[in-house]
C-alpha atoms as a PDB file:
ATOM      1  CA  UNK A   1       4.494  20.170 -22.501  1.00  0.00           C
ATOM      2  CA  UNK A   2       5.684  18.002 -19.335  1.00  0.00           C
ATOM      3  CA  UNK A   3       2.505  16.299 -18.658  1.00  0.00           C
ATOM      4  CA  UNK A   4       1.800  15.161 -14.928  1.00  0.00           C
ATOM      5  CA  UNK A   5       4.062  12.019 -13.257  1.00  0.00           C
ATOM      6  CA  UNK A   6       0.950   9.630 -13.766  1.00  0.00           C
ATOM      7  CA  UNK A   7       0.676  10.413 -17.716  1.00  0.00           C
ATOM      8  CA  UNK A   8       4.425  12.344 -18.846  1.00  0.00           C
ATOM      9  CA  UNK A   9       4.442  13.990 -21.885  1.00  0.00           C
ATOM     10  CA  UNK A  10       7.557  13.801 -23.942  1.00  0.00           C
ATOM     11  CA  UNK A  11      10.529  16.321 -21.992  1.00  0.00           C
ATOM     12  CA  UNK A  12       9.231  14.963 -19.141  1.00  0.00           C
ATOM     13  CA  UNK A  13       9.542  11.381 -20.697  1.00  0.00           C
ATOM     14  CA  UNK A  14      12.898  12.318 -21.814  1.00  0.00           C
ATOM     15  CA  UNK A  15      14.749  13.361 -18.890  1.00  0.00           C
ATOM     16  CA  UNK A  16      13.036  10.862 -16.576  1.00  0.00           C
ATOM     17  CA  UNK A  17      14.949   8.632 -19.706  1.00  0.00           C
ATOM     18  CA  UNK A  18      18.277  10.348 -18.760  1.00  0.00           C
ATOM     19  CA  UNK A  19      18.432  10.885 -14.933  1.00  0.00           C
ATOM     20  CA  UNK A  20      17.620   7.176 -14.212  1.00  0.00           C
ATOM     21  CA  UNK A  21      18.547   4.987 -17.594  1.00  0.00           C
ATOM     22  CA  UNK A  22      20.753   3.544 -15.673  1.00  0.00           C
ATOM     23  CA  UNK A  23      18.008   1.839 -13.385  1.00  0.00           C
ATOM     24  CA  UNK A  24      15.630   0.850 -15.362  1.00  0.00           C
ATOM     25  CA  UNK A  25      14.662  -2.438 -15.948  1.00  0.00           C
ATOM     26  CA  UNK A  26      12.232  -4.109 -18.341  1.00  0.00           C
ATOM     27  CA  UNK A  27       9.291  -5.950 -16.689  1.00  0.00           C
ATOM     28  CA  UNK A  28       7.735  -8.939 -19.180  1.00  0.00           C
ATOM     29  CA  UNK A  29       3.095  -9.125 -18.823  1.00  0.00           C
ATOM     30  CA  UNK A  30       1.661 -12.493 -19.275  1.00  0.00           C
ATOM     31  CA  UNK A  31       1.518 -13.270 -23.580  1.00  0.00           C
ATOM     32  CA  UNK A  32      -1.935 -12.859 -24.671  1.00  0.00           C
ATOM     33  CA  UNK A  33      -2.467 -16.364 -26.885  1.00  0.00           C
ATOM     34  CA  UNK A  34      -4.485 -15.045 -29.997  1.00  0.00           C
ATOM     35  CA  UNK A  35      -6.138 -18.782 -30.245  1.00  0.00           C
ATOM     36  CA  UNK A  36      -7.000 -18.868 -27.118  1.00  0.00           C
ATOM     37  CA  UNK A  37      -8.836 -14.788 -27.461  1.00  0.00           C
ATOM     38  CA  UNK A  38     -10.745 -15.439 -30.660  1.00  0.00           C
ATOM     39  CA  UNK A  39     -12.286 -19.188 -28.933  1.00  0.00           C
ATOM     40  CA  UNK A  40     -13.702 -16.728 -26.246  1.00  0.00           C
ATOM     41  CA  UNK A  41     -14.874 -14.104 -28.404  1.00  0.00           C
ATOM     42  CA  UNK A  42     -16.212 -16.535 -30.902  1.00  0.00           C
ATOM     43  CA  UNK A  43     -19.990 -14.524 -30.883  1.00  0.00           C
ATOM     44  CA  UNK A  44     -17.904 -11.937 -31.924  1.00  0.00           C
ATOM     45  CA  UNK A  45     -17.958 -11.309 -35.917  1.00  0.00           C
ATOM     46  CA  UNK A  46     -17.148  -8.414 -36.729  1.00  0.00           C
ATOM     47  CA  UNK A  47     -13.535  -7.233 -37.411  1.00  0.00           C
ATOM     48  CA  UNK A  48     -13.705  -3.980 -36.109  1.00  0.00           C
ATOM     49  CA  UNK A  49     -15.800  -5.644 -32.480  1.00  0.00           C
ATOM     50  CA  UNK A  50     -13.159  -7.930 -32.604  1.00  0.00           C
ATOM     51  CA  UNK A  51     -10.237  -5.031 -32.555  1.00  0.00           C
ATOM     52  CA  UNK A  52     -11.592  -3.527 -29.961  1.00  0.00           C
ATOM     53  CA  UNK A  53     -12.003  -6.289 -27.716  1.00  0.00           C
ATOM     54  CA  UNK A  54      -8.437  -6.947 -28.443  1.00  0.00           C
ATOM     55  CA  UNK A  55      -7.054  -3.566 -27.683  1.00  0.00           C
ATOM     56  CA  UNK A  56      -9.431  -3.769 -24.263  1.00  0.00           C
ATOM     57  CA  UNK A  57      -7.327  -6.615 -23.180  1.00  0.00           C
ATOM     58  CA  UNK A  58      -3.876  -5.487 -24.075  1.00  0.00           C
ATOM     59  CA  UNK A  59      -4.694  -2.085 -22.026  1.00  0.00           C
ATOM     60  CA  UNK A  60      -6.055  -4.209 -19.097  1.00  0.00           C
ATOM     61  CA  UNK A  61      -2.781  -6.365 -19.296  1.00  0.00           C
ATOM     62  CA  UNK A  62      -0.697  -3.041 -18.988  1.00  0.00           C
ATOM     63  CA  UNK A  63      -2.763  -1.448 -16.296  1.00  0.00           C
ATOM     64  CA  UNK A  64      -2.233  -4.873 -14.124  1.00  0.00           C
ATOM     65  CA  UNK A  65       1.576  -4.712 -14.852  1.00  0.00           C
ATOM     66  CA  UNK A  66       1.594  -0.860 -13.655  1.00  0.00           C
ATOM     67  CA  UNK A  67      -0.333  -1.625 -11.081  1.00  0.00           C
ATOM     68  CA  UNK A  68       2.239  -3.991  -9.513  1.00  0.00           C
ATOM     69  CA  UNK A  69       5.315  -1.776 -10.596  1.00  0.00           C
ATOM     70  CA  UNK A  70       3.662   1.893  -9.796  1.00  0.00           C
ATOM     71  CA  UNK A  71       0.850   1.087  -7.364  1.00  0.00           C
ATOM     72  CA  UNK A  72      -2.483   2.999  -7.203  1.00  0.00           C
ATOM     73  CA  UNK A  73      -2.788   6.409  -7.714  1.00  0.00           C
ATOM     74  CA  UNK A  74      -0.724   8.480  -5.010  1.00  0.00           C
ATOM     75  CA  UNK A  75      -2.526  10.769  -2.864  1.00  0.00           C
ATOM     76  CA  UNK A  76      -1.329  13.260  -0.126  1.00  0.00           C
ATOM     77  CA  UNK A  77      -2.596  13.069   4.114  1.00  0.00           C
ATOM     78  CA  UNK A  78      -4.734  15.611   3.115  1.00  0.00           C
ATOM     79  CA  UNK A  79      -6.507  14.408  -0.176  1.00  0.00           C
ATOM     80  CA  UNK A  80      -7.626  11.406   2.186  1.00  0.00           C
ATOM     81  CA  UNK A  81      -8.219  13.324   5.486  1.00  0.00           C
ATOM     82  CA  UNK A  82     -10.748  14.587   3.028  1.00  0.00           C
ATOM     83  CA  UNK A  83     -12.478  11.848   1.398  1.00  0.00           C
ATOM     84  CA  UNK A  84     -12.225   9.647   4.441  1.00  0.00           C
ATOM     85  CA  UNK A  85     -14.418  12.216   6.589  1.00  0.00           C
ATOM     86  CA  UNK A  86     -17.079  13.088   3.779  1.00  0.00           C
ATOM     87  CA  UNK A  87     -17.907   8.907   3.187  1.00  0.00           C
ATOM     88  CA  UNK A  88     -21.445   8.496   4.426  1.00  0.00           C
ATOM     89  CA  UNK A  89     -20.037   5.411   7.562  1.00  0.00           C
ATOM     90  CA  UNK A  90     -17.965   8.245   8.707  1.00  0.00           C
ATOM     91  CA  UNK A  91     -20.174  10.451   8.833  1.00  0.00           C
ATOM     92  CA  UNK A  92     -23.022   8.407  10.186  1.00  0.00           C
ATOM     93  CA  UNK A  93     -20.202   6.998  12.940  1.00  0.00           C
ATOM     94  CA  UNK A  94     -19.353  10.956  13.679  1.00  0.00           C
ATOM     95  CA  UNK A  95     -22.961  11.683  14.375  1.00  0.00           C
ATOM     96  CA  UNK A  96     -23.634   8.337  16.804  1.00  0.00           C
ATOM     97  CA  UNK A  97     -20.521   8.830  18.707  1.00  0.00           C
ATOM     98  CA  UNK A  98     -21.341  13.078  19.267  1.00  0.00           C
ATOM     99  CA  UNK A  99     -24.807  11.743  20.354  1.00  0.00           C
ATOM    100  CA  UNK A 100     -22.908   9.275  22.489  1.00  0.00           C
ATOM    101  CA  UNK A 101     -20.594  12.131  24.284  1.00  0.00           C
ATOM    102  CA  UNK A 102     -23.013  15.364  24.242  1.00  0.00           C
ATOM    103  CA  UNK A 103     -20.814  16.931  21.562  1.00  0.00           C
ATOM    104  CA  UNK A 104     -21.491  18.741  18.323  1.00  0.00           C
ATOM    105  CA  UNK A 105     -21.226  16.756  15.526  1.00  0.00           C
ATOM    106  CA  UNK A 106     -18.219  20.121  14.374  1.00  0.00           C
ATOM    107  CA  UNK A 107     -16.313  19.530  17.233  1.00  0.00           C
ATOM    108  CA  UNK A 108     -16.436  15.392  16.815  1.00  0.00           C
ATOM    109  CA  UNK A 109     -15.546  16.170  13.066  1.00  0.00           C
ATOM    110  CA  UNK A 110     -12.645  17.992  14.166  1.00  0.00           C
ATOM    111  CA  UNK A 111     -11.374  15.301  16.749  1.00  0.00           C
ATOM    112  CA  UNK A 112     -11.581  12.521  14.020  1.00  0.00           C
ATOM    113  CA  UNK A 113      -9.682  14.595  11.794  1.00  0.00           C
ATOM    114  CA  UNK A 114      -6.893  15.456  13.931  1.00  0.00           C
ATOM    115  CA  UNK A 115      -6.959  11.425  14.648  1.00  0.00           C
ATOM    116  CA  UNK A 116      -6.775  10.967  10.751  1.00  0.00           C
ATOM    117  CA  UNK A 117      -3.681  14.036  10.829  1.00  0.00           C
ATOM    118  CA  UNK A 118      -1.717  11.950  13.355  1.00  0.00           C
ATOM    119  CA  UNK A 119      -1.627   8.600  11.730  1.00  0.00           C
ATOM    120  CA  UNK A 120      -2.105   8.671   8.031  1.00  0.00           C
ATOM    121  CA  UNK A 121       1.019   7.992   5.725  1.00  0.00           C
ATOM    122  CA  UNK A 122       1.912  10.731   3.056  1.00  0.00           C
ATOM    123  CA  UNK A 123       3.699   8.829   0.528  1.00  0.00           C
ATOM    124  CA  UNK A 124       6.105  10.116  -1.463  1.00  0.00           C
ATOM    125  CA  UNK A 125       8.395   7.867  -4.079  1.00  0.00           C
ATOM    126  CA  UNK A 126      11.331  10.680  -4.162  1.00  0.00           C
ATOM    127  CA  UNK A 127      11.525   9.939  -0.379  1.00  0.00           C
ATOM    128  CA  UNK A 128      11.553   6.472  -1.394  1.00  0.00           C
ATOM    129  CA  UNK A 129      14.413   6.411  -3.877  1.00  0.00           C
ATOM    130  CA  UNK A 130      16.281   8.639  -1.230  1.00  0.00           C
ATOM    131  CA  UNK A 131      16.105   5.751   1.417  1.00  0.00           C
ATOM    132  CA  UNK A 132      16.881   3.144  -0.594  1.00  0.00           C
ATOM    133  CA  UNK A 133      19.985   5.225  -1.451  1.00  0.00           C
ATOM    134  CA  UNK A 134      20.759   5.023   2.231  1.00  0.00           C
ATOM    135  CA  UNK A 135      20.030   1.506   2.829  1.00  0.00           C
ATOM    136  CA  UNK A 136      22.245   0.603  -0.076  1.00  0.00           C
ATOM    137  CA  UNK A 137      25.448   2.041   2.028  1.00  0.00           C
ATOM    138  CA  UNK A 138      24.103   0.773   5.129  1.00  0.00           C
ATOM    139  CA  UNK A 139      23.231  -3.078   4.313  1.00  0.00           C
ATOM    140  CA  UNK A 140      26.517  -2.661   2.400  1.00  0.00           C
ATOM    141  CA  UNK A 141      28.265  -2.266   5.728  1.00  0.00           C
ATOM    142  CA  UNK A 142      26.539  -4.100   8.121  1.00  0.00           C
ATOM    143  CA  UNK A 143      25.924  -7.607   6.156  1.00  0.00           C
ATOM    144  CA  UNK A 144      28.043  -9.797   3.961  1.00  0.00           C
ATOM    145  CA  UNK A 145      24.551  -9.703   1.925  1.00  0.00           C
ATOM    146  CA  UNK A 146      21.145  -9.888   1.545  1.00  0.00           C
ATOM    147  CA  UNK A 147      19.309 -13.249   0.641  1.00  0.00           C
ATOM    148  CA  UNK A 148      16.020 -13.368  -1.020  1.00  0.00           C
ATOM    149  CA  UNK A 149      13.333 -15.655  -1.968  1.00  0.00           C
ATOM    150  CA  UNK A 150      13.312 -14.873  -5.244  1.00  0.00           C
ATOM    151  CA  UNK A 151      10.579 -17.346  -6.224  1.00  0.00           C
ATOM    152  CA  UNK A 152       8.272 -16.294  -3.735  1.00  0.00           C
ATOM    153  CA  UNK A 153       8.650 -12.544  -5.010  1.00  0.00           C
ATOM    154  CA  UNK A 154       7.376 -13.571  -7.820  1.00  0.00           C
ATOM    155  CA  UNK A 155       4.477 -15.376  -6.185  1.00  0.00           C
ATOM    156  CA  UNK A 156       3.838 -11.853  -4.506  1.00  0.00           C
ATOM    157  CA  UNK A 157       4.240 -10.137  -8.302  1.00  0.00           C
ATOM    158  CA  UNK A 158       1.626 -12.229  -9.879  1.00  0.00           C
ATOM    159  CA  UNK A 159      -0.686 -11.873  -6.660  1.00  0.00           C
ATOM    160  CA  UNK A 160      -0.379  -8.513  -6.484  1.00  0.00           C
ATOM    161  CA  UNK A 161      -2.058  -8.495 -10.492  1.00  0.00           C
ATOM    162  CA  UNK A 162      -5.270  -9.911  -8.601  1.00  0.00           C
ATOM    163  CA  UNK A 163      -5.793  -8.082  -4.952  1.00  0.00           C
ATOM    164  CA  UNK A 164      -4.303  -5.085  -3.257  1.00  0.00           C
ATOM    165  CA  UNK A 165      -1.681  -7.314  -0.829  1.00  0.00           C
ATOM    166  CA  UNK A 166      -1.591  -7.819   3.136  1.00  0.00           C
ATOM    167  CA  UNK A 167       1.730  -8.545   3.927  1.00  0.00           C
ATOM    168  CA  UNK A 168       2.168 -10.381   7.444  1.00  0.00           C
ATOM    169  CA  UNK A 169       6.345 -10.125   8.578  1.00  0.00           C
ATOM    170  CA  UNK A 170       8.005 -12.331  11.497  1.00  0.00           C
ATOM    171  CA  UNK A 171       9.448  -9.045  13.369  1.00  0.00           C
ATOM    172  CA  UNK A 172      12.884  -9.438  15.288  1.00  0.00           C
ATOM    173  CA  UNK A 173      14.095  -6.132  14.881  1.00  0.00           C
ATOM    174  CA  UNK A 174      13.902  -1.943  13.267  1.00  0.00           C
ATOM    175  CA  UNK A 175      15.696  -3.424  10.112  1.00  0.00           C
ATOM    176  CA  UNK A 176      12.407  -5.778   9.064  1.00  0.00           C
ATOM    177  CA  UNK A 177      10.416  -2.799   7.611  1.00  0.00           C
ATOM    178  CA  UNK A 178      13.116  -1.447   5.773  1.00  0.00           C
ATOM    179  CA  UNK A 179      14.912  -4.775   4.090  1.00  0.00           C
ATOM    180  CA  UNK A 180      11.508  -5.240   2.732  1.00  0.00           C
ATOM    181  CA  UNK A 181      10.622  -2.162   1.436  1.00  0.00           C
ATOM    182  CA  UNK A 182      13.953  -2.087  -0.119  1.00  0.00           C
ATOM    183  CA  UNK A 183      13.659  -4.934  -1.725  1.00  0.00           C
ATOM    184  CA  UNK A 184      10.356  -4.617  -3.053  1.00  0.00           C
ATOM    185  CA  UNK A 185      12.097  -1.167  -4.578  1.00  0.00           C
ATOM    186  CA  UNK A 186      14.825  -2.563  -5.841  1.00  0.00           C
ATOM    187  CA  UNK A 187      12.569  -5.350  -7.427  1.00  0.00           C
ATOM    188  CA  UNK A 188      10.124  -3.559  -9.543  1.00  0.00           C
ATOM    189  CA  UNK A 189       7.442  -4.157  -6.753  1.00  0.00           C
ATOM    190  CA  UNK A 190       5.730  -0.722  -5.067  1.00  0.00           C
ATOM    191  CA  UNK A 191       6.901  -0.524  -1.446  1.00  0.00           C
ATOM    192  CA  UNK A 192       3.757  -1.080   0.681  1.00  0.00           C
ATOM    193  CA  UNK A 193       2.227   1.329   3.644  1.00  0.00           C
ATOM    194  CA  UNK A 194       3.308  -0.040   7.218  1.00  0.00           C
ATOM    195  CA  UNK A 195       1.510   0.239   9.956  1.00  0.00           C
ATOM    196  CA  UNK A 196       3.948   1.734  13.073  1.00  0.00           C
ATOM    197  CA  UNK A 197       3.447   2.216  17.060  1.00  0.00           C
ATOM    198  CA  UNK A 198       2.827   6.082  17.080  1.00  0.00           C
ATOM    199  CA  UNK A 199       6.309   5.764  19.386  1.00  0.00           C
ATOM    200  CA  UNK A 200       7.842   6.286  16.296  1.00  0.00           C
ATOM    201  CA  UNK A 201       6.505   9.215  14.949  1.00  0.00           C
ATOM    202  CA  UNK A 202       8.961  11.796  16.495  1.00  0.00           C
ATOM    203  CA  UNK A 203      10.933  14.457  14.422  1.00  0.00           C
ATOM    204  CA  UNK A 204      12.493  13.719  12.225  1.00  0.00           C
ATOM    205  CA  UNK A 205      12.360  10.029  12.003  1.00  0.00           C
ATOM    206  CA  UNK A 206       8.527  10.336  12.048  1.00  0.00           C
ATOM    207  CA  UNK A 207       8.286  12.577   8.847  1.00  0.00           C
ATOM    208  CA  UNK A 208      11.170  10.680   6.765  1.00  0.00           C
ATOM    209  CA  UNK A 209       8.974   7.563   8.203  1.00  0.00           C
ATOM    210  CA  UNK A 210       5.542   9.021   7.126  1.00  0.00           C
ATOM    211  CA  UNK A 211       6.773   9.825   4.060  1.00  0.00           C
ATOM    212  CA  UNK A 212       7.754   6.600   2.883  1.00  0.00           C
ATOM    213  CA  UNK A 213       4.421   4.891   3.619  1.00  0.00           C
ATOM    214  CA  UNK A 214       3.842   4.475   7.840  1.00  0.00           C
ATOM    215  CA  UNK A 215       1.183   5.017   9.114  1.00  0.00           C
ATOM    216  CA  UNK A 216       0.984   5.646  12.894  1.00  0.00           C
ATOM    217  CA  UNK A 217      -1.291   3.990  15.590  1.00  0.00           C
ATOM    218  CA  UNK A 218      -1.422   4.002  19.086  1.00  0.00           C
ATOM    219  CA  UNK A 219      -0.329   0.424  20.887  1.00  0.00           C
ATOM    220  CA  UNK A 220      -3.451   0.513  22.910  1.00  0.00           C
ATOM    221  CA  UNK A 221      -6.802   1.519  21.692  1.00  0.00           C
ATOM    222  CA  UNK A 222      -8.471   1.726  25.361  1.00  0.00           C
ATOM    223  CA  UNK A 223     -12.351   2.948  25.528  1.00  0.00           C
ATOM    224  CA  UNK A 224     -11.528   5.430  22.800  1.00  0.00           C
ATOM    225  CA  UNK A 225     -14.097   4.603  20.078  1.00  0.00           C
ATOM    226  CA  UNK A 226     -13.639   7.386  18.072  1.00  0.00           C
ATOM    227  CA  UNK A 227     -10.241   6.587  17.646  1.00  0.00           C
ATOM    228  CA  UNK A 228     -11.224   2.860  16.983  1.00  0.00           C
ATOM    229  CA  UNK A 229     -13.408   4.126  14.300  1.00  0.00           C
ATOM    230  CA  UNK A 230     -11.226   6.187  12.831  1.00  0.00           C
ATOM    231  CA  UNK A 231      -8.369   3.905  12.362  1.00  0.00           C
ATOM    232  CA  UNK A 232     -10.877   1.524  11.217  1.00  0.00           C
ATOM    233  CA  UNK A 233     -12.206   4.056   8.462  1.00  0.00           C
ATOM    234  CA  UNK A 234      -8.530   4.576   7.644  1.00  0.00           C
ATOM    235  CA  UNK A 235      -7.757   1.277   6.535  1.00  0.00           C
ATOM    236  CA  UNK A 236     -10.941   0.500   4.964  1.00  0.00           C
ATOM    237  CA  UNK A 237      -9.733   2.824   2.582  1.00  0.00           C
ATOM    238  CA  UNK A 238      -6.299   2.580   1.905  1.00  0.00           C
ATOM    239  CA  UNK A 239      -7.868  -1.396   0.943  1.00  0.00           C
ATOM    240  CA  UNK A 240     -10.539   0.947  -1.200  1.00  0.00           C
ATOM    241  CA  UNK A 241      -7.771   2.673  -3.215  1.00  0.00           C
ATOM    242  CA  UNK A 242      -5.403  -0.556  -3.550  1.00  0.00           C
ATOM    243  CA  UNK A 243      -2.701  -0.175  -1.627  1.00  0.00           C
ATOM    244  CA  UNK A 244      -0.317  -2.782  -0.025  1.00  0.00           C
ATOM    245  CA  UNK A 245      -0.493  -2.334   3.720  1.00  0.00           C
ATOM    246  CA  UNK A 246       1.832  -4.373   5.942  1.00  0.00           C
ATOM    247  CA  UNK A 247       1.610  -4.812   9.309  1.00  0.00           C
ATOM    248  CA  UNK A 248       3.692  -7.202  12.162  1.00  0.00           C
ATOM    249  CA  UNK A 249       0.284  -9.931  13.555  1.00  0.00           C
ATOM    250  CA  UNK A 250       2.499 -10.552  16.633  1.00  0.00           C
ATOM    251  CA  UNK A 251       2.753  -6.437  17.486  1.00  0.00           C
ATOM    252  CA  UNK A 252       5.868  -5.825  18.246  1.00  0.00           C
ATOM    253  CA  UNK A 253       9.218  -6.783  18.482  1.00  0.00           C
ATOM    254  CA  UNK A 254      10.978 -10.589  19.671  1.00  0.00           C
ATOM    255  CA  UNK A 255      12.788 -10.040  22.459  1.00  0.00           C
ATOM    256  CA  UNK A 256      14.254 -13.508  22.368  1.00  0.00           C
ATOM    257  CA  UNK A 257      13.959 -15.110  18.628  1.00  0.00           C
ATOM    258  CA  UNK A 258      10.971 -16.709  19.249  1.00  0.00           C
ATOM    259  CA  UNK A 259       7.836 -15.995  17.312  1.00  0.00           C
ATOM    260  CA  UNK A 260       5.084 -14.568  19.442  1.00  0.00           C
ATOM    261  CA  UNK A 261       1.080 -15.050  19.812  1.00  0.00           C
ATOM    262  CA  UNK A 262      -0.771 -13.039  17.126  1.00  0.00           C
ATOM    263  CA  UNK A 263      -2.944 -10.300  17.534  1.00  0.00           C
ATOM    264  CA  UNK A 264      -5.511 -10.330  15.175  1.00  0.00           C
ATOM    265  CA  UNK A 265      -7.141  -7.007  15.402  1.00  0.00           C
ATOM    266  CA  UNK A 266      -5.682  -5.519  11.955  1.00  0.00           C
ATOM    267  CA  UNK A 267      -6.805  -8.526  10.681  1.00  0.00           C
ATOM    268  CA  UNK A 268     -10.451  -8.727  11.518  1.00  0.00           C
ATOM    269  CA  UNK A 269     -10.720  -4.979   9.833  1.00  0.00           C
ATOM    270  CA  UNK A 270      -9.299  -5.952   6.850  1.00  0.00           C
ATOM    271  CA  UNK A 271     -11.806  -9.696   6.831  1.00  0.00           C
ATOM    272  CA  UNK A 272     -14.929  -7.521   7.589  1.00  0.00           C
ATOM    273  CA  UNK A 273     -13.652  -4.862   4.971  1.00  0.00           C
ATOM    274  CA  UNK A 274     -13.944  -7.280   2.196  1.00  0.00           C
ATOM    275  CA  UNK A 275     -17.366  -9.231   4.177  1.00  0.00           C
ATOM    276  CA  UNK A 276     -18.692  -5.961   3.873  1.00  0.00           C
ATOM    277  CA  UNK A 277     -17.674  -5.110   0.464  1.00  0.00           C
ATOM    278  CA  UNK A 278     -15.561  -1.885   1.213  1.00  0.00           C
ATOM    279  CA  UNK A 279     -12.837  -3.950  -1.072  1.00  0.00           C
ATOM    280  CA  UNK A 280     -13.853  -6.847  -3.049  1.00  0.00           C
ATOM    281  CA  UNK A 281     -10.978  -9.161  -2.052  1.00  0.00           C
ATOM    282  CA  UNK A 282      -6.894  -9.321  -0.799  1.00  0.00           C
ATOM    283  CA  UNK A 283      -4.526 -11.576  -0.882  1.00  0.00           C
ATOM    284  CA  UNK A 284      -2.341 -12.547   2.344  1.00  0.00           C
ATOM    285  CA  UNK A 285       1.261 -12.984   1.948  1.00  0.00           C
ATOM    286  CA  UNK A 286       3.143 -14.398   5.446  1.00  0.00           C
ATOM    287  CA  UNK A 287       6.728 -13.386   5.467  1.00  0.00           C
ATOM    288  CA  UNK A 288      10.032 -14.646   7.085  1.00  0.00           C
ATOM    289  CA  UNK A 289      12.612 -12.482   8.273  1.00  0.00           C
ATOM    290  CA  UNK A 290      15.727 -14.052   9.825  1.00  0.00           C
END
């Protein structure tokens, strides 16, 4: 009767419309040129085959628009953790590190699972919507206006149709990541998963940030090989699933207003993931927040 949120039934659709009718907007996809389509499908002469090809093209176009607005299927942190632990890559690394440390694979698996629990986001659109309501009130009090490069945002939307996005903002204050997620949501784009320092993982903000897409990492991994491997596999999993990821190349906030030299660790993990085939592609999106 209700269906699930990803494929709502008629009752859920009616309820959604009643509750959110003032927030709805229409997003137009790219039109399909039938003359061009027939030229590309010239080998297909059977009308039924042409119809099926056109239907596939239409469904593909709608799927791309939905991915930009809704993102991939949202999985909770427990499910992501289980899936990461079961991958052959993670199993091989657990076996390797357990041998180096003289531990059993069960002990190593428990340690890695604990790290994943500490770092993983537990994304919920309900929390994002609540956050946006609060930020609307906050920004109205703090600022005369928030100015957004709409042309740039449309380029982001276009890039999001073809590959997961890696958002690389400048970092001046704690408002930076808030305003980016706020503008994405307000303009019909899926808010990203955000890399945050583990110093922000405190109650109650840590829980709210985690539910709004933040994942937490230590400022320095030191010589903890297990933590380094766990974080790498978690990031590769996010890429493989198609989530948009936001992180600050400067590594921390600039106190003087100058751009800080970049730290390239996360960028290297992403490039390595693409080169190894963990994900076909990713688009890098530099963002200025001032």
